């Protein structure tokens, strides 16, 4: 079992930045690729970013490419999402999730955090 706890959400003005963190429990963090997803009210949960188990490979959803960066520190069992140039349409609950292989497929992810709210004001 892997437990995930997100932090770092909040209220920010358009054009600002936030860094989300997701700390995981256990000693198996490096066995999992990690992803970030987001869900706005009335919308489906959307893929944001994924990073491979060793951090070498990463991928992004089209709406965040060039603005968001995913990274991980396996020594700290933590994955990060640096969000720059934020827009009001980035407002959502952001979730981190763990999966056994590199994929952007939401349905493949095995473990999910509770989410952290990000609100971007115009």
N, C-alpha and C. Protein backbone atom coordinates (compact mmCIF):
# COMPACT_ATOMS: atom_id res chain seq x y z
N UNK A 1 0.84 -1.20 0.00
CA UNK A 1 0.00 0.00 0.00
C UNK A 1 0.88 1.25 0.00
N UNK A 2 0.51 2.20 -0.81
CA UNK A 2 1.24 3.46 -0.90
C UNK A 2 0.29 4.58 -0.52
N UNK A 3 0.70 5.41 0.39
CA UNK A 3 -0.11 6.57 0.77
C UNK A 3 0.54 7.83 0.23
N UNK A 4 -0.28 8.70 -0.32
CA UNK A 4 0.20 9.92 -0.96
C UNK A 4 -0.46 11.13 -0.30
N UNK A 5 0.35 12.14 0.00
CA UNK A 5 -0.17 13.35 0.64
C UNK A 5 0.34 14.56 -0.12
N UNK A 6 -0.59 15.29 -0.74
CA UNK A 6 -0.23 16.49 -1.48
C UNK A 6 -0.21 17.72 -0.57
N UNK A 7 0.59 18.69 -0.95
CA UNK A 7 0.62 19.97 -0.25
C UNK A 7 1.08 21.04 -1.23
N UNK A 8 0.90 22.31 -0.83
CA UNK A 8 1.40 23.41 -1.63
C UNK A 8 0.36 24.16 -2.43
N UNK A 9 -0.89 23.69 -2.38
CA UNK A 9 -1.92 24.40 -3.10
C UNK A 9 -2.25 25.72 -2.43
N UNK A 10 -3.07 26.53 -3.11
CA UNK A 10 -3.47 27.80 -2.55
C UNK A 10 -4.04 28.72 -3.59
N UNK A 11 -4.14 29.99 -3.21
CA UNK A 11 -4.68 31.03 -4.09
C UNK A 11 -3.53 31.86 -4.64
N UNK A 12 -3.52 32.06 -5.95
CA UNK A 12 -2.46 32.82 -6.58
C UNK A 12 -3.05 33.64 -7.72
N UNK A 13 -2.45 34.76 -8.01
CA UNK A 13 -2.91 35.58 -9.12
C UNK A 13 -2.42 35.01 -10.45
N UNK A 14 -3.16 35.31 -11.49
CA UNK A 14 -2.74 34.91 -12.83
C UNK A 14 -1.32 35.40 -13.11
N UNK A 15 -0.52 34.54 -13.71
CA UNK A 15 0.87 34.86 -13.98
C UNK A 15 1.83 34.44 -12.88
N UNK A 16 1.28 34.05 -11.74
CA UNK A 16 2.09 33.64 -10.62
C UNK A 16 2.52 32.19 -10.70
N UNK A 17 3.16 31.74 -9.62
CA UNK A 17 3.71 30.38 -9.56
C UNK A 17 3.34 29.71 -8.25
N UNK A 18 3.29 28.41 -8.30
CA UNK A 18 3.12 27.57 -7.12
C UNK A 18 3.93 26.30 -7.34
N UNK A 19 4.37 25.71 -6.23
CA UNK A 19 5.00 24.39 -6.31
C UNK A 19 4.23 23.43 -5.43
N UNK A 20 3.72 22.39 -6.04
CA UNK A 20 3.04 21.34 -5.31
C UNK A 20 4.03 20.24 -4.95
N UNK A 21 3.80 19.65 -3.80
CA UNK A 21 4.60 18.51 -3.37
C UNK A 21 3.67 17.34 -3.07
N UNK A 22 4.19 16.16 -3.24
CA UNK A 22 3.45 14.94 -2.91
C UNK A 22 4.41 13.99 -2.24
N UNK A 23 4.20 13.80 -0.97
CA UNK A 23 5.07 12.90 -0.20
C UNK A 23 4.39 11.55 -0.08
N UNK A 24 5.18 10.51 -0.25
CA UNK A 24 4.63 9.16 -0.19
C UNK A 24 5.19 8.39 0.99
N UNK A 25 4.43 7.41 1.42
CA UNK A 25 4.87 6.58 2.53
C UNK A 25 5.60 5.36 1.98
N UNK A 26 6.29 4.67 2.86
CA UNK A 26 6.90 3.41 2.49
C UNK A 26 8.25 3.55 1.82
N UNK A 27 8.85 2.40 1.53
CA UNK A 27 10.18 2.39 0.95
C UNK A 27 10.16 1.97 -0.51
N UNK A 28 8.98 2.05 -1.13
CA UNK A 28 8.85 1.56 -2.50
C UNK A 28 8.66 2.67 -3.51
N UNK A 29 8.90 3.91 -3.11
CA UNK A 29 8.63 5.06 -3.97
C UNK A 29 9.30 4.91 -5.32
N UNK A 30 10.55 4.49 -5.35
CA UNK A 30 11.30 4.43 -6.60
C UNK A 30 10.80 3.34 -7.54
N UNK A 31 9.90 2.50 -7.09
CA UNK A 31 9.33 1.47 -7.95
C UNK A 31 8.19 2.01 -8.81
N UNK A 32 7.75 3.21 -8.53
CA UNK A 32 6.57 3.75 -9.19
C UNK A 32 6.90 4.96 -10.06
N UNK A 33 6.31 4.98 -11.24
CA UNK A 33 6.20 6.24 -11.96
C UNK A 33 5.13 7.06 -11.24
N UNK A 34 5.28 8.37 -11.32
CA UNK A 34 4.38 9.26 -10.59
C UNK A 34 3.71 10.23 -11.55
N UNK A 35 2.46 10.51 -11.29
CA UNK A 35 1.74 11.43 -12.15
C UNK A 35 1.00 12.49 -11.35
N UNK A 36 0.71 13.57 -12.02
CA UNK A 36 -0.17 14.61 -11.49
C UNK A 36 -1.39 14.72 -12.42
N UNK A 37 -2.54 14.83 -11.80
CA UNK A 37 -3.79 15.03 -12.51
C UNK A 37 -4.52 16.20 -11.85
N UNK A 38 -5.52 16.71 -12.55
CA UNK A 38 -6.31 17.78 -11.94
C UNK A 38 -7.78 17.63 -12.35
N UNK A 39 -8.63 18.17 -11.51
CA UNK A 39 -10.06 18.08 -11.77
C UNK A 39 -10.74 19.39 -11.36
N UNK A 40 -11.35 20.04 -12.32
CA UNK A 40 -12.13 21.24 -12.07
C UNK A 40 -13.58 20.83 -11.86
N UNK A 41 -14.37 21.67 -11.20
CA UNK A 41 -15.78 21.34 -10.95
C UNK A 41 -16.51 21.05 -12.25
N UNK A 42 -17.22 19.93 -12.27
CA UNK A 42 -17.99 19.56 -13.44
C UNK A 42 -17.20 18.99 -14.58
N UNK A 43 -15.89 18.81 -14.37
CA UNK A 43 -15.03 18.31 -15.43
C UNK A 43 -14.47 16.93 -15.06
N UNK A 44 -13.98 16.22 -16.07
CA UNK A 44 -13.31 14.95 -15.80
C UNK A 44 -11.89 15.22 -15.28
N UNK A 45 -11.37 14.24 -14.59
CA UNK A 45 -10.00 14.35 -14.10
C UNK A 45 -9.06 14.30 -15.30
N UNK A 46 -8.15 15.27 -15.35
CA UNK A 46 -7.31 15.49 -16.52
C UNK A 46 -5.85 15.21 -16.22
N UNK A 47 -5.17 14.55 -17.15
CA UNK A 47 -3.74 14.31 -17.01
C UNK A 47 -2.97 15.62 -17.10
N UNK A 48 -2.02 15.78 -16.18
CA UNK A 48 -1.17 16.97 -16.17
C UNK A 48 0.27 16.62 -16.51
N UNK A 49 0.84 15.67 -15.79
CA UNK A 49 2.25 15.33 -15.99
C UNK A 49 2.55 13.96 -15.42
N UNK A 50 3.62 13.36 -15.95
CA UNK A 50 4.09 12.06 -15.46
C UNK A 50 5.61 12.08 -15.46
N UNK A 51 6.19 11.33 -14.53
CA UNK A 51 7.64 11.20 -14.47
C UNK A 51 7.98 9.73 -14.23
N UNK A 52 9.04 9.28 -14.87
CA UNK A 52 9.44 7.88 -14.76
C UNK A 52 10.02 7.58 -13.38
N UNK A 53 10.24 6.31 -13.13
CA UNK A 53 10.71 5.89 -11.80
C UNK A 53 12.05 6.50 -11.44
N UNK A 54 12.94 6.66 -12.43
CA UNK A 54 14.26 7.23 -12.13
C UNK A 54 14.33 8.72 -12.44
N UNK A 55 13.22 9.29 -12.86
CA UNK A 55 13.17 10.73 -13.10
C UNK A 55 13.75 11.18 -14.43
N UNK A 56 14.19 10.26 -15.25
CA UNK A 56 14.83 10.64 -16.51
C UNK A 56 13.82 11.10 -17.55
N UNK A 57 12.66 10.46 -17.55
CA UNK A 57 11.65 10.73 -18.57
C UNK A 57 10.46 11.43 -17.95
N UNK A 58 9.90 12.41 -18.68
CA UNK A 58 8.70 13.09 -18.21
C UNK A 58 7.83 13.47 -19.40
N UNK A 59 6.55 13.65 -19.12
CA UNK A 59 5.61 14.03 -20.15
C UNK A 59 4.54 14.93 -19.57
N UNK A 60 3.88 15.70 -20.45
CA UNK A 60 2.94 16.72 -20.01
C UNK A 60 1.69 16.75 -20.88
N UNK A 61 0.60 17.17 -20.24
CA UNK A 61 -0.59 17.45 -21.01
C UNK A 61 -0.40 18.70 -21.85
N UNK A 62 -1.11 18.79 -22.96
CA UNK A 62 -0.92 19.90 -23.89
C UNK A 62 -1.19 21.26 -23.23
N UNK A 63 -2.12 21.30 -22.32
CA UNK A 63 -2.51 22.59 -21.73
C UNK A 63 -1.46 23.15 -20.77
N UNK A 64 -0.50 22.32 -20.36
CA UNK A 64 0.49 22.80 -19.38
C UNK A 64 1.92 22.77 -19.91
N UNK A 65 2.12 22.26 -21.10
CA UNK A 65 3.47 22.17 -21.65
C UNK A 65 4.13 23.53 -21.70
N UNK A 66 5.38 23.56 -21.26
CA UNK A 66 6.14 24.81 -21.27
C UNK A 66 5.91 25.67 -20.04
N UNK A 67 4.92 25.32 -19.22
CA UNK A 67 4.64 26.10 -18.01
C UNK A 67 4.84 25.30 -16.74
N UNK A 68 4.59 24.01 -16.78
CA UNK A 68 4.70 23.16 -15.60
C UNK A 68 5.91 22.23 -15.75
N UNK A 69 6.51 21.90 -14.61
CA UNK A 69 7.63 20.96 -14.60
C UNK A 69 7.45 19.97 -13.46
N UNK A 70 7.52 18.70 -13.80
CA UNK A 70 7.45 17.65 -12.79
C UNK A 70 8.86 17.18 -12.46
N UNK A 71 9.09 16.88 -11.19
CA UNK A 71 10.39 16.36 -10.77
C UNK A 71 10.16 15.45 -9.57
N UNK A 72 11.20 14.71 -9.20
CA UNK A 72 11.08 13.83 -8.04
C UNK A 72 12.41 13.72 -7.33
N UNK A 73 12.31 13.41 -6.05
CA UNK A 73 13.48 13.16 -5.23
C UNK A 73 13.25 11.82 -4.56
N UNK A 74 13.86 10.79 -5.07
CA UNK A 74 13.62 9.45 -4.53
C UNK A 74 14.16 9.28 -3.11
N UNK A 75 15.14 10.06 -2.75
CA UNK A 75 15.66 10.00 -1.38
C UNK A 75 14.66 10.55 -0.38
N UNK A 76 13.78 11.44 -0.85
CA UNK A 76 12.79 12.05 0.03
C UNK A 76 11.39 11.49 -0.22
N UNK A 77 11.28 10.50 -1.11
CA UNK A 77 9.96 9.92 -1.42
C UNK A 77 8.95 10.98 -1.82
N UNK A 78 9.39 11.95 -2.60
CA UNK A 78 8.54 13.09 -2.92
C UNK A 78 8.60 13.41 -4.41
N UNK A 79 7.44 13.76 -4.94
CA UNK A 79 7.34 14.24 -6.31
C UNK A 79 6.81 15.67 -6.26
N UNK A 80 7.27 16.49 -7.19
CA UNK A 80 6.93 17.90 -7.19
C UNK A 80 6.27 18.29 -8.52
N UNK A 81 5.50 19.37 -8.47
CA UNK A 81 4.98 19.97 -9.68
C UNK A 81 5.18 21.48 -9.57
N UNK A 82 6.14 21.99 -10.33
CA UNK A 82 6.36 23.43 -10.38
C UNK A 82 5.45 24.01 -11.45
N UNK A 83 4.62 24.96 -11.05
CA UNK A 83 3.64 25.55 -11.95
C UNK A 83 3.94 27.04 -12.11
N UNK A 84 4.28 27.43 -13.30
CA UNK A 84 4.58 28.83 -13.61
C UNK A 84 3.55 29.39 -14.60
N UNK A 85 3.53 30.70 -14.68
CA UNK A 85 2.62 31.39 -15.62
C UNK A 85 1.19 30.86 -15.49
N UNK A 86 0.74 30.79 -14.27
CA UNK A 86 -0.58 30.20 -14.01
C UNK A 86 -1.70 31.04 -14.62
N UNK A 87 -2.73 30.34 -15.04
CA UNK A 87 -3.90 30.95 -15.66
C UNK A 87 -5.15 30.59 -14.87
N UNK A 88 -6.19 31.39 -14.96
CA UNK A 88 -7.43 31.03 -14.25
C UNK A 88 -7.95 29.65 -14.62
N UNK A 89 -7.72 29.21 -15.85
CA UNK A 89 -8.18 27.88 -16.25
C UNK A 89 -7.37 26.74 -15.63
N UNK A 90 -6.30 27.08 -14.92
CA UNK A 90 -5.57 26.05 -14.17
C UNK A 90 -6.22 25.76 -12.83
N UNK A 91 -7.23 26.51 -12.47
CA UNK A 91 -7.93 26.29 -11.21
C UNK A 91 -8.56 24.90 -11.18
N UNK A 92 -8.21 24.14 -10.14
CA UNK A 92 -8.68 22.76 -10.03
C UNK A 92 -8.14 22.17 -8.73
N UNK A 93 -8.63 20.99 -8.40
CA UNK A 93 -8.01 20.17 -7.37
C UNK A 93 -6.94 19.32 -8.06
N UNK A 94 -5.74 19.37 -7.53
CA UNK A 94 -4.61 18.64 -8.12
C UNK A 94 -4.32 17.40 -7.28
N UNK A 95 -4.19 16.28 -7.99
CA UNK A 95 -3.95 15.00 -7.36
C UNK A 95 -2.62 14.41 -7.84
N UNK A 96 -1.89 13.81 -6.93
CA UNK A 96 -0.77 13.00 -7.37
C UNK A 96 -1.18 11.53 -7.30
N UNK A 97 -0.51 10.72 -8.09
CA UNK A 97 -0.88 9.32 -8.18
C UNK A 97 0.35 8.50 -8.55
N UNK A 98 0.30 7.22 -8.21
CA UNK A 98 1.41 6.30 -8.45
C UNK A 98 0.97 5.14 -9.33
N UNK A 99 1.88 4.72 -10.20
CA UNK A 99 1.60 3.64 -11.14
C UNK A 99 2.88 2.86 -11.37
N UNK A 100 2.74 1.59 -11.74
CA UNK A 100 3.91 0.73 -11.87
C UNK A 100 4.73 0.92 -13.13
N UNK A 101 4.25 1.71 -14.07
CA UNK A 101 4.99 1.94 -15.31
C UNK A 101 4.63 3.32 -15.84
N UNK A 102 5.43 3.80 -16.74
CA UNK A 102 5.28 5.16 -17.27
C UNK A 102 4.06 5.22 -18.18
N UNK A 103 3.06 6.02 -17.77
CA UNK A 103 1.86 6.16 -18.57
C UNK A 103 1.11 7.43 -18.18
N UNK A 104 0.36 7.97 -19.13
CA UNK A 104 -0.52 9.10 -18.85
C UNK A 104 -1.98 8.64 -18.70
N UNK A 105 -2.20 7.36 -18.80
CA UNK A 105 -3.54 6.79 -18.72
C UNK A 105 -4.06 6.82 -17.28
N UNK A 106 -5.02 7.66 -17.02
CA UNK A 106 -5.57 7.82 -15.68
C UNK A 106 -6.03 6.50 -15.08
N UNK A 107 -6.63 5.65 -15.87
CA UNK A 107 -7.17 4.40 -15.36
C UNK A 107 -6.13 3.41 -14.89
N UNK A 108 -4.89 3.61 -15.29
CA UNK A 108 -3.82 2.69 -14.91
C UNK A 108 -3.26 2.98 -13.53
N UNK A 109 -3.51 4.16 -13.02
CA UNK A 109 -2.89 4.56 -11.75
C UNK A 109 -3.53 3.81 -10.58
N UNK A 110 -2.69 3.33 -9.69
CA UNK A 110 -3.13 2.46 -8.61
C UNK A 110 -3.43 3.21 -7.32
N UNK A 111 -2.65 4.22 -7.03
CA UNK A 111 -2.77 4.91 -5.75
C UNK A 111 -2.93 6.40 -6.01
N UNK A 112 -3.79 7.03 -5.19
CA UNK A 112 -4.11 8.45 -5.34
C UNK A 112 -4.05 9.16 -4.00
N UNK A 113 -3.63 10.43 -4.07
CA UNK A 113 -3.72 11.27 -2.90
C UNK A 113 -5.11 11.88 -2.78
N UNK A 114 -5.30 12.68 -1.76
CA UNK A 114 -6.60 13.30 -1.50
C UNK A 114 -6.79 14.59 -2.28
N UNK A 115 -5.73 15.14 -2.81
CA UNK A 115 -5.83 16.34 -3.62
C UNK A 115 -5.54 17.61 -2.85
N UNK A 116 -5.11 18.63 -3.59
CA UNK A 116 -4.87 19.95 -3.03
C UNK A 116 -5.46 20.98 -3.99
N UNK A 117 -6.15 21.96 -3.43
CA UNK A 117 -6.85 22.95 -4.26
C UNK A 117 -5.89 24.02 -4.73
N UNK A 118 -5.95 24.32 -6.02
CA UNK A 118 -5.22 25.43 -6.61
C UNK A 118 -6.26 26.36 -7.24
N UNK A 119 -6.21 27.62 -6.84
CA UNK A 119 -7.14 28.61 -7.37
C UNK A 119 -6.32 29.77 -7.94
N UNK A 120 -6.58 30.09 -9.19
CA UNK A 120 -5.86 31.16 -9.86
C UNK A 120 -6.87 32.27 -10.17
N UNK A 121 -6.63 33.43 -9.61
CA UNK A 121 -7.53 34.56 -9.81
C UNK A 121 -7.07 35.41 -11.00
N UNK A 122 -8.03 36.00 -11.67
CA UNK A 122 -7.70 36.82 -12.85
C UNK A 122 -7.47 38.28 -12.48
